[in-house]
Amino acid sequence: MKISLCLAAAVMLAAPGCSKKKTDESSPAAPKTVETPTATPAAPAARAPLPYVDPGAGTPESVTRAVAVLAPTQGREAHGTIQFAQAPGGGVDVTAEIEGLPPGVHAYHIHVLGDCSSADGKSAGTHFNFDGSSMKPATDIKRITGNLGELDADKEGKAEAKTHLDKASLQGPYSLIGRSVIIHEKGNDPAQPPIGAAGGRLACGVIGIAQ
């Protein structure tokens, strides 16, 4: 009788533990939280400076060469070409080959508008300022804006010149593309900035993209 009571007591004491174990085994395990690493956005690819030779190309290339083909204004004979090349170290290299000029010195400048439609070339507007406002330059400016230098025509009216423009560019907001070149009847007067008082306009040409 004592043995039966002991067995019964043992079963009763053991039952809660068994039941709890069974309940614990049947409960679903808590889901593990997996942290997904945040992807770092790729840096945008550096784009070449505007303007582009072919903007629709997969990798468009910036303009590095340009040309102006100059035609005479009414009653004049000056004509020729001026080549522009973006220099590797900055600035622009300029090469001019002109014919039909009166013998002597002639200033030539970049003008702000690419418009040579008027007979006298005045549609090209005022000088283009490589560094600042063209239409409203500083009142204390001491240089001739848009200055390419001077052409020295021989007795046959031919002139060739090469120059480097430190502050000019074929790219960016001050790009020469779409501006114009004017050859004047006289040389520059350094005492009269920013225009230079070089007289009438002998030839005009718009600067366009070249290869």
N, C-alpha and C. Protein backbone atom coordinates (compact mmCIF):
# COMPACT_ATOMS: atom_id res chain seq x y z
N MET A 1 0.84 -1.21 0.00
CA MET A 1 0.00 0.00 0.00
C MET A 1 0.86 1.23 0.00
N LYS A 2 1.92 1.21 0.82
CA LYS A 2 2.84 2.34 0.86
C LYS A 2 3.51 2.51 -0.49
N ILE A 3 3.85 1.43 -1.13
CA ILE A 3 4.51 1.50 -2.46
C ILE A 3 3.60 2.15 -3.45
N SER A 4 2.32 1.82 -3.46
CA SER A 4 1.34 2.40 -4.41
C SER A 4 1.20 3.87 -4.17
N LEU A 5 1.12 4.30 -2.91
CA LEU A 5 0.99 5.73 -2.61
C LEU A 5 2.21 6.49 -3.07
N CYS A 6 3.38 5.92 -2.88
CA CYS A 6 4.63 6.58 -3.32
C CYS A 6 4.67 6.72 -4.83
N LEU A 7 4.25 5.64 -5.53
CA LEU A 7 4.24 5.69 -7.00
C LEU A 7 3.30 6.76 -7.48
N ALA A 8 2.12 6.83 -6.85
CA ALA A 8 1.11 7.81 -7.25
C ALA A 8 1.63 9.21 -7.01
N ALA A 9 2.28 9.41 -5.87
CA ALA A 9 2.82 10.74 -5.57
C ALA A 9 3.90 11.11 -6.55
N ALA A 10 4.73 10.16 -6.93
CA ALA A 10 5.81 10.42 -7.88
C ALA A 10 5.25 10.82 -9.22
N VAL A 11 4.19 10.14 -9.66
CA VAL A 11 3.57 10.45 -10.95
C VAL A 11 3.01 11.84 -10.92
N MET A 12 2.30 12.21 -9.79
CA MET A 12 1.69 13.53 -9.68
C MET A 12 2.74 14.63 -9.67
N LEU A 13 3.88 14.37 -9.02
CA LEU A 13 4.94 15.37 -8.98
C LEU A 13 5.64 15.52 -10.32
N ALA A 14 5.77 14.45 -11.03
CA ALA A 14 6.47 14.47 -12.31
C ALA A 14 5.61 15.03 -13.41
N ALA A 15 4.29 14.95 -13.32
CA ALA A 15 3.40 15.33 -14.42
C ALA A 15 3.54 16.78 -14.82
N PRO A 16 3.52 17.75 -13.85
CA PRO A 16 3.64 19.16 -14.29
C PRO A 16 4.91 19.40 -15.08
N GLY A 17 6.02 18.83 -14.68
CA GLY A 17 7.27 19.03 -15.40
C GLY A 17 7.19 18.50 -16.80
N CYS A 18 6.61 17.33 -16.97
CA CYS A 18 6.48 16.73 -18.29
C CYS A 18 5.59 17.57 -19.15
N SER A 19 4.47 18.04 -18.53
CA SER A 19 3.51 18.82 -19.30
C SER A 19 4.14 20.11 -19.78
N LYS A 20 4.94 20.79 -18.87
CA LYS A 20 5.57 22.05 -19.25
C LYS A 20 6.56 21.81 -20.36
N LYS A 21 7.33 20.74 -20.25
CA LYS A 21 8.31 20.43 -21.29
C LYS A 21 7.65 20.23 -22.61
N LYS A 22 6.50 19.52 -22.60
CA LYS A 22 5.79 19.25 -23.84
C LYS A 22 5.28 20.53 -24.44
N THR A 23 4.75 21.43 -23.55
CA THR A 23 4.23 22.71 -24.04
C THR A 23 5.34 23.54 -24.64
N ASP A 24 6.51 23.54 -23.94
CA ASP A 24 7.63 24.32 -24.45
C ASP A 24 8.09 23.81 -25.80
N GLU A 25 8.12 22.47 -26.00
CA GLU A 25 8.57 21.90 -27.26
C GLU A 25 7.60 22.19 -28.38
N SER A 26 6.28 22.32 -28.06
CA SER A 26 5.30 22.53 -29.12
C SER A 26 5.18 24.00 -29.52
N SER A 27 5.70 24.97 -28.70
CA SER A 27 5.60 26.39 -29.02
C SER A 27 6.57 26.73 -30.15
N PRO A 28 6.11 27.49 -31.13
CA PRO A 28 7.00 27.84 -32.26
C PRO A 28 8.11 28.77 -31.77
N ALA A 29 9.30 28.61 -32.35
CA ALA A 29 10.43 29.45 -31.97
C ALA A 29 10.22 30.87 -32.49
N ALA A 30 10.67 31.89 -31.73
CA ALA A 30 10.55 33.28 -32.16
C ALA A 30 11.39 33.51 -33.41
N PRO A 31 10.82 34.18 -34.39
CA PRO A 31 11.58 34.40 -35.63
C PRO A 31 12.80 35.27 -35.38
N LYS A 32 13.91 34.96 -36.06
CA LYS A 32 15.14 35.72 -35.92
C LYS A 32 15.08 36.95 -36.83
N THR A 33 15.52 38.08 -36.31
CA THR A 33 15.56 39.31 -37.10
C THR A 33 16.89 39.39 -37.83
N VAL A 34 16.83 39.46 -39.14
CA VAL A 34 18.05 39.55 -39.96
C VAL A 34 18.19 40.97 -40.45
N GLU A 35 19.28 41.64 -40.12
CA GLU A 35 19.51 43.01 -40.55
C GLU A 35 20.06 43.02 -41.97
N THR A 36 19.32 43.69 -42.86
CA THR A 36 19.77 43.81 -44.25
C THR A 36 20.68 45.03 -44.36
N PRO A 37 21.91 44.84 -44.82
CA PRO A 37 22.81 45.99 -44.91
C PRO A 37 22.29 47.01 -45.91
N THR A 38 22.36 48.28 -45.53
CA THR A 38 21.91 49.35 -46.42
C THR A 38 22.93 49.57 -47.53
N ALA A 39 22.46 49.50 -48.76
CA ALA A 39 23.37 49.68 -49.89
C ALA A 39 23.77 51.15 -50.02
N THR A 40 25.07 51.39 -50.18
CA THR A 40 25.55 52.75 -50.37
C THR A 40 25.32 53.16 -51.81
N PRO A 41 24.59 54.26 -52.07
CA PRO A 41 24.34 54.65 -53.46
C PRO A 41 25.63 54.99 -54.18
N ALA A 42 25.71 54.53 -55.42
CA ALA A 42 26.90 54.77 -56.21
C ALA A 42 27.02 56.26 -56.53
N ALA A 43 28.23 56.76 -56.47
CA ALA A 43 28.46 58.18 -56.80
C ALA A 43 28.20 58.39 -58.28
N PRO A 44 27.54 59.49 -58.63
CA PRO A 44 27.28 59.73 -60.04
C PRO A 44 28.58 59.89 -60.81
N ALA A 45 28.59 59.36 -62.01
CA ALA A 45 29.78 59.44 -62.84
C ALA A 45 30.05 60.89 -63.20
N ALA A 46 31.31 61.27 -63.13
CA ALA A 46 31.67 62.64 -63.48
C ALA A 46 31.42 62.87 -64.96
N ARG A 47 30.75 63.96 -65.28
CA ARG A 47 30.44 64.29 -66.66
C ARG A 47 31.39 65.34 -67.17
N ALA A 48 31.70 65.25 -68.46
CA ALA A 48 32.58 66.23 -69.07
C ALA A 48 31.88 67.58 -69.10
N PRO A 49 32.64 68.67 -69.08
CA PRO A 49 32.02 70.00 -69.09
C PRO A 49 31.27 70.27 -70.39
N LEU A 50 30.17 71.02 -70.27
CA LEU A 50 29.42 71.47 -71.44
C LEU A 50 30.21 72.56 -72.17
N PRO A 51 29.94 72.77 -73.47
CA PRO A 51 29.03 72.01 -74.33
C PRO A 51 29.68 70.74 -74.86
N TYR A 52 28.84 69.83 -75.43
CA TYR A 52 29.31 68.58 -75.97
C TYR A 52 29.33 68.62 -77.50
N VAL A 53 30.26 67.88 -78.08
CA VAL A 53 30.28 67.73 -79.54
C VAL A 53 29.03 66.97 -79.98
N ASP A 54 28.76 65.85 -79.33
CA ASP A 54 27.59 65.03 -79.64
C ASP A 54 26.88 64.69 -78.34
N PRO A 55 25.90 65.52 -77.90
CA PRO A 55 25.25 65.30 -76.61
C PRO A 55 24.51 63.98 -76.51
N GLY A 56 24.13 63.37 -77.64
CA GLY A 56 23.39 62.12 -77.60
C GLY A 56 24.27 60.89 -77.53
N ALA A 57 25.57 61.06 -77.55
CA ALA A 57 26.48 59.92 -77.47
C ALA A 57 26.43 59.31 -76.08
N GLY A 58 26.79 58.02 -75.98
CA GLY A 58 26.78 57.35 -74.69
C GLY A 58 27.69 58.04 -73.69
N THR A 59 28.86 58.41 -74.14
CA THR A 59 29.80 59.18 -73.32
C THR A 59 30.16 60.43 -74.10
N PRO A 60 29.37 61.48 -73.94
CA PRO A 60 29.61 62.69 -74.74
C PRO A 60 30.94 63.36 -74.40
N GLU A 61 31.58 63.89 -75.43
CA GLU A 61 32.87 64.56 -75.26
C GLU A 61 32.69 66.07 -75.31
N SER A 62 33.43 66.75 -74.45
CA SER A 62 33.38 68.21 -74.44
C SER A 62 34.00 68.78 -75.71
N VAL A 63 33.56 69.98 -76.05
CA VAL A 63 34.14 70.67 -77.19
C VAL A 63 35.56 71.11 -76.83
N THR A 64 36.52 70.80 -77.69
CA THR A 64 37.90 71.22 -77.47
C THR A 64 38.46 72.01 -78.66
N ARG A 65 37.68 72.08 -79.75
CA ARG A 65 38.13 72.83 -80.93
C ARG A 65 36.94 73.63 -81.48
N ALA A 66 37.26 74.79 -82.06
CA ALA A 66 36.23 75.64 -82.65
C ALA A 66 36.84 76.44 -83.79
N VAL A 67 35.97 77.00 -84.63
CA VAL A 67 36.45 77.79 -85.77
C VAL A 67 35.47 78.91 -86.06
N ALA A 68 36.01 80.03 -86.52
CA ALA A 68 35.20 81.14 -87.01
C ALA A 68 35.63 81.42 -88.45
N VAL A 69 34.67 81.40 -89.36
CA VAL A 69 34.94 81.73 -90.76
C VAL A 69 34.45 83.17 -90.97
N LEU A 70 35.38 84.06 -91.21
CA LEU A 70 35.05 85.49 -91.28
C LEU A 70 34.76 85.93 -92.71
N ALA A 71 33.71 86.71 -92.84
CA ALA A 71 33.32 87.30 -94.13
C ALA A 71 33.37 88.81 -94.00
N PRO A 72 33.64 89.51 -95.10
CA PRO A 72 33.74 90.97 -95.01
C PRO A 72 32.40 91.64 -94.75
N THR A 73 32.45 92.75 -94.04
CA THR A 73 31.27 93.59 -93.89
C THR A 73 31.11 94.40 -95.18
N GLN A 74 30.03 95.11 -95.29
CA GLN A 74 29.71 95.82 -96.53
C GLN A 74 30.82 96.81 -96.91
N GLY A 75 31.28 96.68 -98.17
CA GLY A 75 32.31 97.58 -98.69
C GLY A 75 33.72 97.20 -98.29
N ARG A 76 33.91 96.12 -97.58
CA ARG A 76 35.23 95.66 -97.15
C ARG A 76 35.61 94.37 -97.87
N GLU A 77 36.85 93.95 -97.68
CA GLU A 77 37.33 92.74 -98.36
C GLU A 77 37.96 91.72 -97.43
N ALA A 78 38.08 92.03 -96.17
CA ALA A 78 38.75 91.14 -95.23
C ALA A 78 37.98 89.83 -95.05
N HIS A 79 38.70 88.72 -95.08
CA HIS A 79 38.08 87.41 -94.88
C HIS A 79 39.15 86.42 -94.44
N GLY A 80 38.72 85.30 -93.88
CA GLY A 80 39.67 84.28 -93.45
C GLY A 80 39.10 83.40 -92.37
N THR A 81 39.97 82.68 -91.68
CA THR A 81 39.53 81.75 -90.62
C THR A 81 40.35 81.98 -89.35
N ILE A 82 39.69 81.73 -88.24
CA ILE A 82 40.36 81.76 -86.94
C ILE A 82 40.05 80.47 -86.22
N GLN A 83 41.09 79.74 -85.85
CA GLN A 83 40.94 78.45 -85.17
C GLN A 83 41.15 78.63 -83.67
N PHE A 84 40.36 77.87 -82.90
CA PHE A 84 40.46 77.90 -81.44
C PHE A 84 40.67 76.48 -80.93
N ALA A 85 41.58 76.31 -79.98
CA ALA A 85 41.83 74.99 -79.39
C ALA A 85 41.97 75.13 -77.88
N GLN A 86 41.19 74.31 -77.15
CA GLN A 86 41.28 74.32 -75.68
C GLN A 86 42.66 73.79 -75.30
N ALA A 87 43.42 74.59 -74.56
CA ALA A 87 44.77 74.19 -74.18
C ALA A 87 44.73 73.22 -72.99
N PRO A 88 45.59 72.19 -72.98
CA PRO A 88 45.57 71.20 -71.90
C PRO A 88 45.73 71.81 -70.51
N GLY A 89 46.53 72.87 -70.40
CA GLY A 89 46.76 73.48 -69.10
C GLY A 89 45.79 74.60 -68.77
N GLY A 90 44.77 74.78 -69.62
CA GLY A 90 43.80 75.85 -69.40
C GLY A 90 43.98 76.96 -70.41
N GLY A 91 42.92 77.71 -70.65
CA GLY A 91 42.98 78.76 -71.64
C GLY A 91 42.74 78.23 -73.05
N VAL A 92 42.87 79.11 -74.03
CA VAL A 92 42.59 78.76 -75.42
C VAL A 92 43.71 79.27 -76.32
N ASP A 93 44.17 78.40 -77.22
CA ASP A 93 45.14 78.79 -78.24
C ASP A 93 44.38 79.26 -79.48
N VAL A 94 44.83 80.37 -80.06
CA VAL A 94 44.13 80.98 -81.20
C VAL A 94 45.09 81.12 -82.38
N THR A 95 44.64 80.70 -83.55
CA THR A 95 45.43 80.83 -84.78
C THR A 95 44.59 81.52 -85.84
N ALA A 96 45.09 82.65 -86.34
CA ALA A 96 44.34 83.44 -87.33
C ALA A 96 45.08 83.48 -88.66
N GLU A 97 44.30 83.34 -89.75
CA GLU A 97 44.82 83.50 -91.12
C GLU A 97 43.81 84.35 -91.89
N ILE A 98 44.20 85.58 -92.18
CA ILE A 98 43.28 86.55 -92.76
C ILE A 98 43.87 87.16 -94.03
N GLU A 99 43.01 87.45 -94.99
CA GLU A 99 43.39 88.13 -96.23
C GLU A 99 42.45 89.31 -96.47
N GLY A 100 42.84 90.16 -97.43
CA GLY A 100 41.98 91.26 -97.84
C GLY A 100 41.95 92.44 -96.88
N LEU A 101 42.94 92.52 -95.99
CA LEU A 101 43.01 93.63 -95.03
C LEU A 101 43.76 94.83 -95.63
N PRO A 102 43.41 96.02 -95.25
CA PRO A 102 44.27 97.16 -95.56
C PRO A 102 45.61 96.96 -94.84
N PRO A 103 46.74 97.24 -95.49
CA PRO A 103 48.03 97.07 -94.81
C PRO A 103 48.09 97.84 -93.50
N GLY A 104 48.71 97.22 -92.49
CA GLY A 104 48.80 97.87 -91.19
C GLY A 104 48.23 97.02 -90.08
N VAL A 105 48.05 97.64 -88.92
CA VAL A 105 47.63 96.93 -87.70
C VAL A 105 46.12 97.01 -87.52
N HIS A 106 45.54 95.85 -87.17
CA HIS A 106 44.08 95.75 -86.96
C HIS A 106 43.81 94.95 -85.70
N ALA A 107 43.08 95.55 -84.78
CA ALA A 107 42.66 94.82 -83.58
C ALA A 107 41.56 93.83 -83.96
N TYR A 108 41.52 92.71 -83.24
CA TYR A 108 40.41 91.78 -83.41
C TYR A 108 39.99 91.24 -82.05
N HIS A 109 38.68 91.10 -81.90
CA HIS A 109 38.10 90.80 -80.60
C HIS A 109 37.00 89.75 -80.71
N ILE A 110 36.72 89.09 -79.57
CA ILE A 110 35.52 88.27 -79.43
C ILE A 110 34.38 89.22 -79.05
N HIS A 111 33.25 89.08 -79.74
CA HIS A 111 32.07 89.89 -79.42
C HIS A 111 30.98 88.99 -78.84
N VAL A 112 30.10 89.59 -78.04
CA VAL A 112 29.20 88.83 -77.19
C VAL A 112 28.13 88.06 -77.96
N LEU A 113 27.69 88.56 -79.10
CA LEU A 113 26.60 87.92 -79.84
C LEU A 113 27.13 87.22 -81.09
N GLY A 114 26.60 86.04 -81.35
CA GLY A 114 26.98 85.31 -82.55
C GLY A 114 26.08 85.69 -83.72
N ASP A 115 26.06 86.97 -84.04
CA ASP A 115 25.15 87.48 -85.08
C ASP A 115 25.93 88.41 -86.01
N CYS A 116 26.16 87.95 -87.22
CA CYS A 116 26.87 88.75 -88.21
C CYS A 116 25.93 89.17 -89.34
N SER A 117 24.65 89.25 -89.04
CA SER A 117 23.64 89.48 -90.09
C SER A 117 23.58 90.91 -90.61
N SER A 118 24.05 91.87 -89.83
CA SER A 118 23.96 93.26 -90.30
C SER A 118 25.11 93.58 -91.25
N ALA A 119 24.89 94.52 -92.14
CA ALA A 119 25.88 94.86 -93.15
C ALA A 119 27.16 95.43 -92.54
N ASP A 120 27.04 96.11 -91.41
CA ASP A 120 28.21 96.73 -90.78
C ASP A 120 28.81 95.90 -89.64
N GLY A 121 28.23 94.75 -89.36
CA GLY A 121 28.76 93.88 -88.31
C GLY A 121 28.38 94.28 -86.90
N LYS A 122 27.60 95.33 -86.75
CA LYS A 122 27.24 95.79 -85.41
C LYS A 122 26.24 94.87 -84.71
N SER A 123 25.63 93.98 -85.47
CA SER A 123 24.71 93.01 -84.87
C SER A 123 25.43 92.05 -83.92
N ALA A 124 26.77 92.01 -83.99
CA ALA A 124 27.55 91.15 -83.09
C ALA A 124 27.63 91.71 -81.68
N GLY A 125 27.14 92.93 -81.48
CA GLY A 125 27.13 93.50 -80.15
C GLY A 125 28.48 93.97 -79.67
N THR A 126 28.58 94.16 -78.37
CA THR A 126 29.80 94.67 -77.75
C THR A 126 30.80 93.54 -77.53
N HIS A 127 31.93 93.86 -76.93
CA HIS A 127 32.96 92.86 -76.68
C HIS A 127 32.49 91.83 -75.64
N PHE A 128 32.98 90.60 -75.79
CA PHE A 128 32.69 89.55 -74.84
C PHE A 128 33.73 89.58 -73.73
N ASN A 129 33.26 89.63 -72.51
CA ASN A 129 34.15 89.68 -71.35
C ASN A 129 34.43 88.26 -70.87
N PHE A 130 35.69 87.86 -70.86
CA PHE A 130 36.05 86.50 -70.42
C PHE A 130 35.85 86.30 -68.93
N ASP A 131 35.74 87.39 -68.18
CA ASP A 131 35.67 87.28 -66.73
C ASP A 131 34.83 88.44 -66.17
N GLY A 132 33.53 88.30 -66.24
CA GLY A 132 32.65 89.35 -65.76
C GLY A 132 31.57 89.68 -66.78
N SER A 133 30.81 90.71 -66.51
CA SER A 133 29.71 91.09 -67.40
C SER A 133 30.23 91.73 -68.68
N SER A 134 29.65 91.31 -69.79
CA SER A 134 29.98 91.91 -71.09
C SER A 134 29.19 93.19 -71.31
N MET A 135 27.91 93.14 -70.96
CA MET A 135 27.02 94.28 -71.19
C MET A 135 27.25 95.41 -70.18
N LYS A 136 27.62 95.02 -68.95
CA LYS A 136 27.84 96.03 -67.90
C LYS A 136 29.16 95.74 -67.17
N PRO A 137 30.27 95.93 -67.87
CA PRO A 137 31.56 95.68 -67.21
C PRO A 137 31.81 96.68 -66.08
N ALA A 138 32.70 96.34 -65.19
CA ALA A 138 33.03 97.22 -64.07
C ALA A 138 33.51 98.58 -64.58
N THR A 139 33.10 99.63 -63.89
CA THR A 139 33.44 100.98 -64.33
C THR A 139 34.94 101.27 -64.23
N ASP A 140 35.63 100.52 -63.37
CA ASP A 140 37.07 100.76 -63.19
C ASP A 140 37.93 99.75 -63.96
N ILE A 141 37.34 99.06 -64.94
CA ILE A 141 38.08 98.05 -65.69
C ILE A 141 39.23 98.71 -66.44
N LYS A 142 40.37 98.02 -66.47
CA LYS A 142 41.56 98.60 -67.08
C LYS A 142 42.10 97.76 -68.23
N ARG A 143 41.27 96.91 -68.78
CA ARG A 143 41.70 96.05 -69.89
C ARG A 143 40.66 96.08 -70.99
N ILE A 144 41.09 95.72 -72.17
CA ILE A 144 40.18 95.63 -73.31
C ILE A 144 39.53 94.25 -73.29
N THR A 145 38.23 94.19 -73.16
CA THR A 145 37.54 92.91 -73.05
C THR A 145 37.49 92.20 -74.41
N GLY A 146 37.50 90.87 -74.35
CA GLY A 146 37.42 90.07 -75.57
C GLY A 146 38.61 90.19 -76.48
N ASN A 147 39.70 90.71 -75.99
CA ASN A 147 40.84 91.05 -76.84
C ASN A 147 41.61 89.82 -77.32
N LEU A 148 41.77 89.73 -78.63
CA LEU A 148 42.58 88.67 -79.23
C LEU A 148 43.95 89.19 -79.64
N GLY A 149 44.16 90.47 -79.49
CA GLY A 149 45.44 91.06 -79.91
C GLY A 149 45.27 91.86 -81.18
N GLU A 150 46.32 91.85 -82.00
CA GLU A 150 46.31 92.63 -83.24
C GLU A 150 46.87 91.82 -84.40
N LEU A 151 46.34 92.08 -85.56
CA LEU A 151 46.82 91.49 -86.81
C LEU A 151 47.64 92.55 -87.54
N ASP A 152 48.80 92.17 -88.04
CA ASP A 152 49.66 93.10 -88.77
C ASP A 152 49.67 92.67 -90.24
N ALA A 153 48.85 93.34 -91.05
CA ALA A 153 48.70 92.96 -92.46
C ALA A 153 49.85 93.50 -93.30
N ASP A 154 50.36 92.65 -94.17
CA ASP A 154 51.43 93.07 -95.07
C ASP A 154 50.86 93.87 -96.24
N LYS A 155 51.71 94.23 -97.19
CA LYS A 155 51.27 95.06 -98.30
C LYS A 155 50.26 94.36 -99.21
N GLU A 156 50.19 93.03 -99.10
CA GLU A 156 49.21 92.27 -99.87
C GLU A 156 47.91 92.04 -99.08
N GLY A 157 47.85 92.60 -97.91
CA GLY A 157 46.64 92.47 -97.09
C GLY A 157 46.52 91.16 -96.33
N LYS A 158 47.63 90.43 -96.20
CA LYS A 158 47.60 89.14 -95.51
C LYS A 158 48.18 89.28 -94.11
N ALA A 159 47.58 88.53 -93.19
CA ALA A 159 48.07 88.55 -91.80
C ALA A 159 47.86 87.19 -91.16
N GLU A 160 48.85 86.78 -90.42
CA GLU A 160 48.76 85.54 -89.64
C GLU A 160 49.18 85.86 -88.20
N ALA A 161 48.53 85.22 -87.27
CA ALA A 161 48.85 85.47 -85.86
C ALA A 161 48.50 84.26 -85.02
N LYS A 162 49.27 84.08 -83.94
CA LYS A 162 48.99 83.04 -82.95
C LYS A 162 49.04 83.68 -81.58
N THR A 163 48.10 83.33 -80.74
CA THR A 163 48.07 83.88 -79.39
C THR A 163 47.45 82.87 -78.43
N HIS A 164 47.67 83.09 -77.15
CA HIS A 164 47.06 82.24 -76.11
C HIS A 164 46.26 83.12 -75.18
N LEU A 165 45.00 82.72 -74.93
CA LEU A 165 44.12 83.47 -74.04
C LEU A 165 44.01 82.72 -72.72
N ASP A 166 44.59 83.29 -71.68
CA ASP A 166 44.62 82.61 -70.38
C ASP A 166 43.23 82.40 -69.80
N LYS A 167 42.37 83.40 -69.90
CA LYS A 167 41.09 83.35 -69.21
C LYS A 167 39.95 82.85 -70.08
N ALA A 168 40.20 82.63 -71.35
CA ALA A 168 39.13 82.18 -72.25
C ALA A 168 38.95 80.67 -72.15
N SER A 169 37.78 80.19 -72.60
CA SER A 169 37.49 78.75 -72.59
C SER A 169 36.45 78.43 -73.65
N LEU A 170 36.53 77.19 -74.14
CA LEU A 170 35.49 76.69 -75.05
C LEU A 170 34.41 75.95 -74.27
N GLN A 171 34.56 75.88 -72.94
CA GLN A 171 33.64 75.12 -72.10
C GLN A 171 33.12 76.00 -70.96
N GLY A 172 32.03 75.55 -70.35
CA GLY A 172 31.51 76.24 -69.19
C GLY A 172 30.71 77.48 -69.54
N PRO A 173 30.32 78.26 -68.51
CA PRO A 173 29.42 79.40 -68.72
C PRO A 173 30.03 80.52 -69.57
N TYR A 174 31.35 80.58 -69.63
CA TYR A 174 32.01 81.62 -70.43
C TYR A 174 32.55 81.06 -71.75
N SER A 175 31.95 80.00 -72.23
CA SER A 175 32.38 79.38 -73.48
C SER A 175 32.34 80.38 -74.63
N LEU A 176 33.34 80.27 -75.52
CA LEU A 176 33.38 81.13 -76.71
C LEU A 176 32.43 80.64 -77.80
N ILE A 177 31.93 79.42 -77.67
CA ILE A 177 31.05 78.85 -78.69
C ILE A 177 29.80 79.71 -78.84
N GLY A 178 29.48 80.07 -80.09
CA GLY A 178 28.29 80.87 -80.35
C GLY A 178 28.53 82.37 -80.29
N ARG A 179 29.73 82.78 -79.91
CA ARG A 179 30.09 84.21 -79.94
C ARG A 179 30.57 84.54 -81.36
N SER A 180 31.11 85.72 -81.53
CA SER A 180 31.61 86.08 -82.86
C SER A 180 32.97 86.75 -82.75
N VAL A 181 33.67 86.81 -83.87
CA VAL A 181 34.96 87.51 -83.96
C VAL A 181 34.79 88.69 -84.91
N ILE A 182 35.27 89.84 -84.49
CA ILE A 182 35.25 91.04 -85.33
C ILE A 182 36.69 91.53 -85.53
N ILE A 183 37.03 91.83 -86.78
CA ILE A 183 38.29 92.50 -87.09
C ILE A 183 37.98 93.98 -87.32
N HIS A 184 38.78 94.83 -86.68
CA HIS A 184 38.54 96.28 -86.75
C HIS A 184 39.51 96.97 -87.71
N GLU A 185 39.18 98.20 -88.05
CA GLU A 185 39.98 98.94 -89.03
C GLU A 185 41.27 99.50 -88.44
N LYS A 186 41.35 99.60 -87.12
CA LYS A 186 42.56 100.15 -86.48
C LYS A 186 43.04 99.21 -85.37
N GLY A 187 44.19 99.57 -84.80
CA GLY A 187 44.73 98.83 -83.67
C GLY A 187 44.05 99.22 -82.38
N ASN A 188 44.36 98.51 -81.31
CA ASN A 188 43.81 98.82 -79.99
C ASN A 188 44.43 100.09 -79.41
N ASP A 189 43.63 100.81 -78.67
CA ASP A 189 44.13 101.94 -77.88
C ASP A 189 44.01 101.52 -76.41
N PRO A 190 45.12 101.10 -75.79
CA PRO A 190 45.08 100.63 -74.40
C PRO A 190 44.54 101.67 -73.43
N ALA A 191 44.58 102.93 -73.82
CA ALA A 191 44.11 103.99 -72.92
C ALA A 191 42.59 104.11 -72.92
N GLN A 192 41.92 103.29 -73.73
CA GLN A 192 40.46 103.39 -73.81
C GLN A 192 39.78 102.03 -73.58
N PRO A 193 39.99 101.44 -72.41
CA PRO A 193 39.28 100.19 -72.10
C PRO A 193 37.81 100.50 -71.78
N PRO A 194 36.89 99.55 -71.90
CA PRO A 194 37.13 98.15 -72.25
C PRO A 194 37.00 97.85 -73.75
N ILE A 195 36.76 98.89 -74.59
CA ILE A 195 36.51 98.66 -76.01
C ILE A 195 37.78 98.81 -76.85
N GLY A 196 38.62 99.76 -76.53
CA GLY A 196 39.88 99.90 -77.25
C GLY A 196 39.85 100.85 -78.43
N ALA A 197 38.66 101.40 -78.75
CA ALA A 197 38.55 102.41 -79.81
C ALA A 197 39.27 102.02 -81.09
N ALA A 198 38.98 100.82 -81.58
CA ALA A 198 39.67 100.30 -82.78
C ALA A 198 38.94 100.61 -84.07
N GLY A 199 37.89 101.40 -84.02
CA GLY A 199 37.23 101.84 -85.24
C GLY A 199 36.23 100.85 -85.81
N GLY A 200 35.92 101.05 -87.09
CA GLY A 200 34.88 100.26 -87.77
C GLY A 200 35.19 98.77 -87.86
N ARG A 201 34.19 98.03 -88.31
CA ARG A 201 34.28 96.57 -88.35
C ARG A 201 34.48 96.10 -89.79
N LEU A 202 35.59 95.42 -90.02
CA LEU A 202 35.96 94.99 -91.37
C LEU A 202 35.45 93.61 -91.73
N ALA A 203 35.34 92.73 -90.73
CA ALA A 203 34.91 91.35 -90.99
C ALA A 203 34.27 90.79 -89.74
N CYS A 204 33.41 89.80 -89.96
CA CYS A 204 32.69 89.17 -88.84
C CYS A 204 32.54 87.68 -89.11
N GLY A 205 32.67 86.87 -88.07
CA GLY A 205 32.45 85.43 -88.19
C GLY A 205 31.98 84.83 -86.86
N VAL A 206 31.05 83.92 -86.92
CA VAL A 206 30.52 83.27 -85.71
C VAL A 206 31.39 82.07 -85.36
N ILE A 207 31.65 81.88 -84.08
CA ILE A 207 32.49 80.77 -83.59
C ILE A 207 31.62 79.52 -83.45
N GLY A 208 31.98 78.48 -84.18
CA GLY A 208 31.23 77.23 -84.14
C GLY A 208 32.11 76.05 -83.73
N ILE A 209 31.46 74.95 -83.38
CA ILE A 209 32.16 73.73 -82.93
C ILE A 209 32.91 73.10 -84.11
N ALA A 210 34.14 72.66 -83.85
CA ALA A 210 34.95 71.99 -84.87
C ALA A 210 35.54 70.72 -84.25
N GLN A 211 36.15 69.90 -85.11
CA GLN A 211 36.82 68.68 -84.64
C GLN A 211 38.29 68.75 -84.98
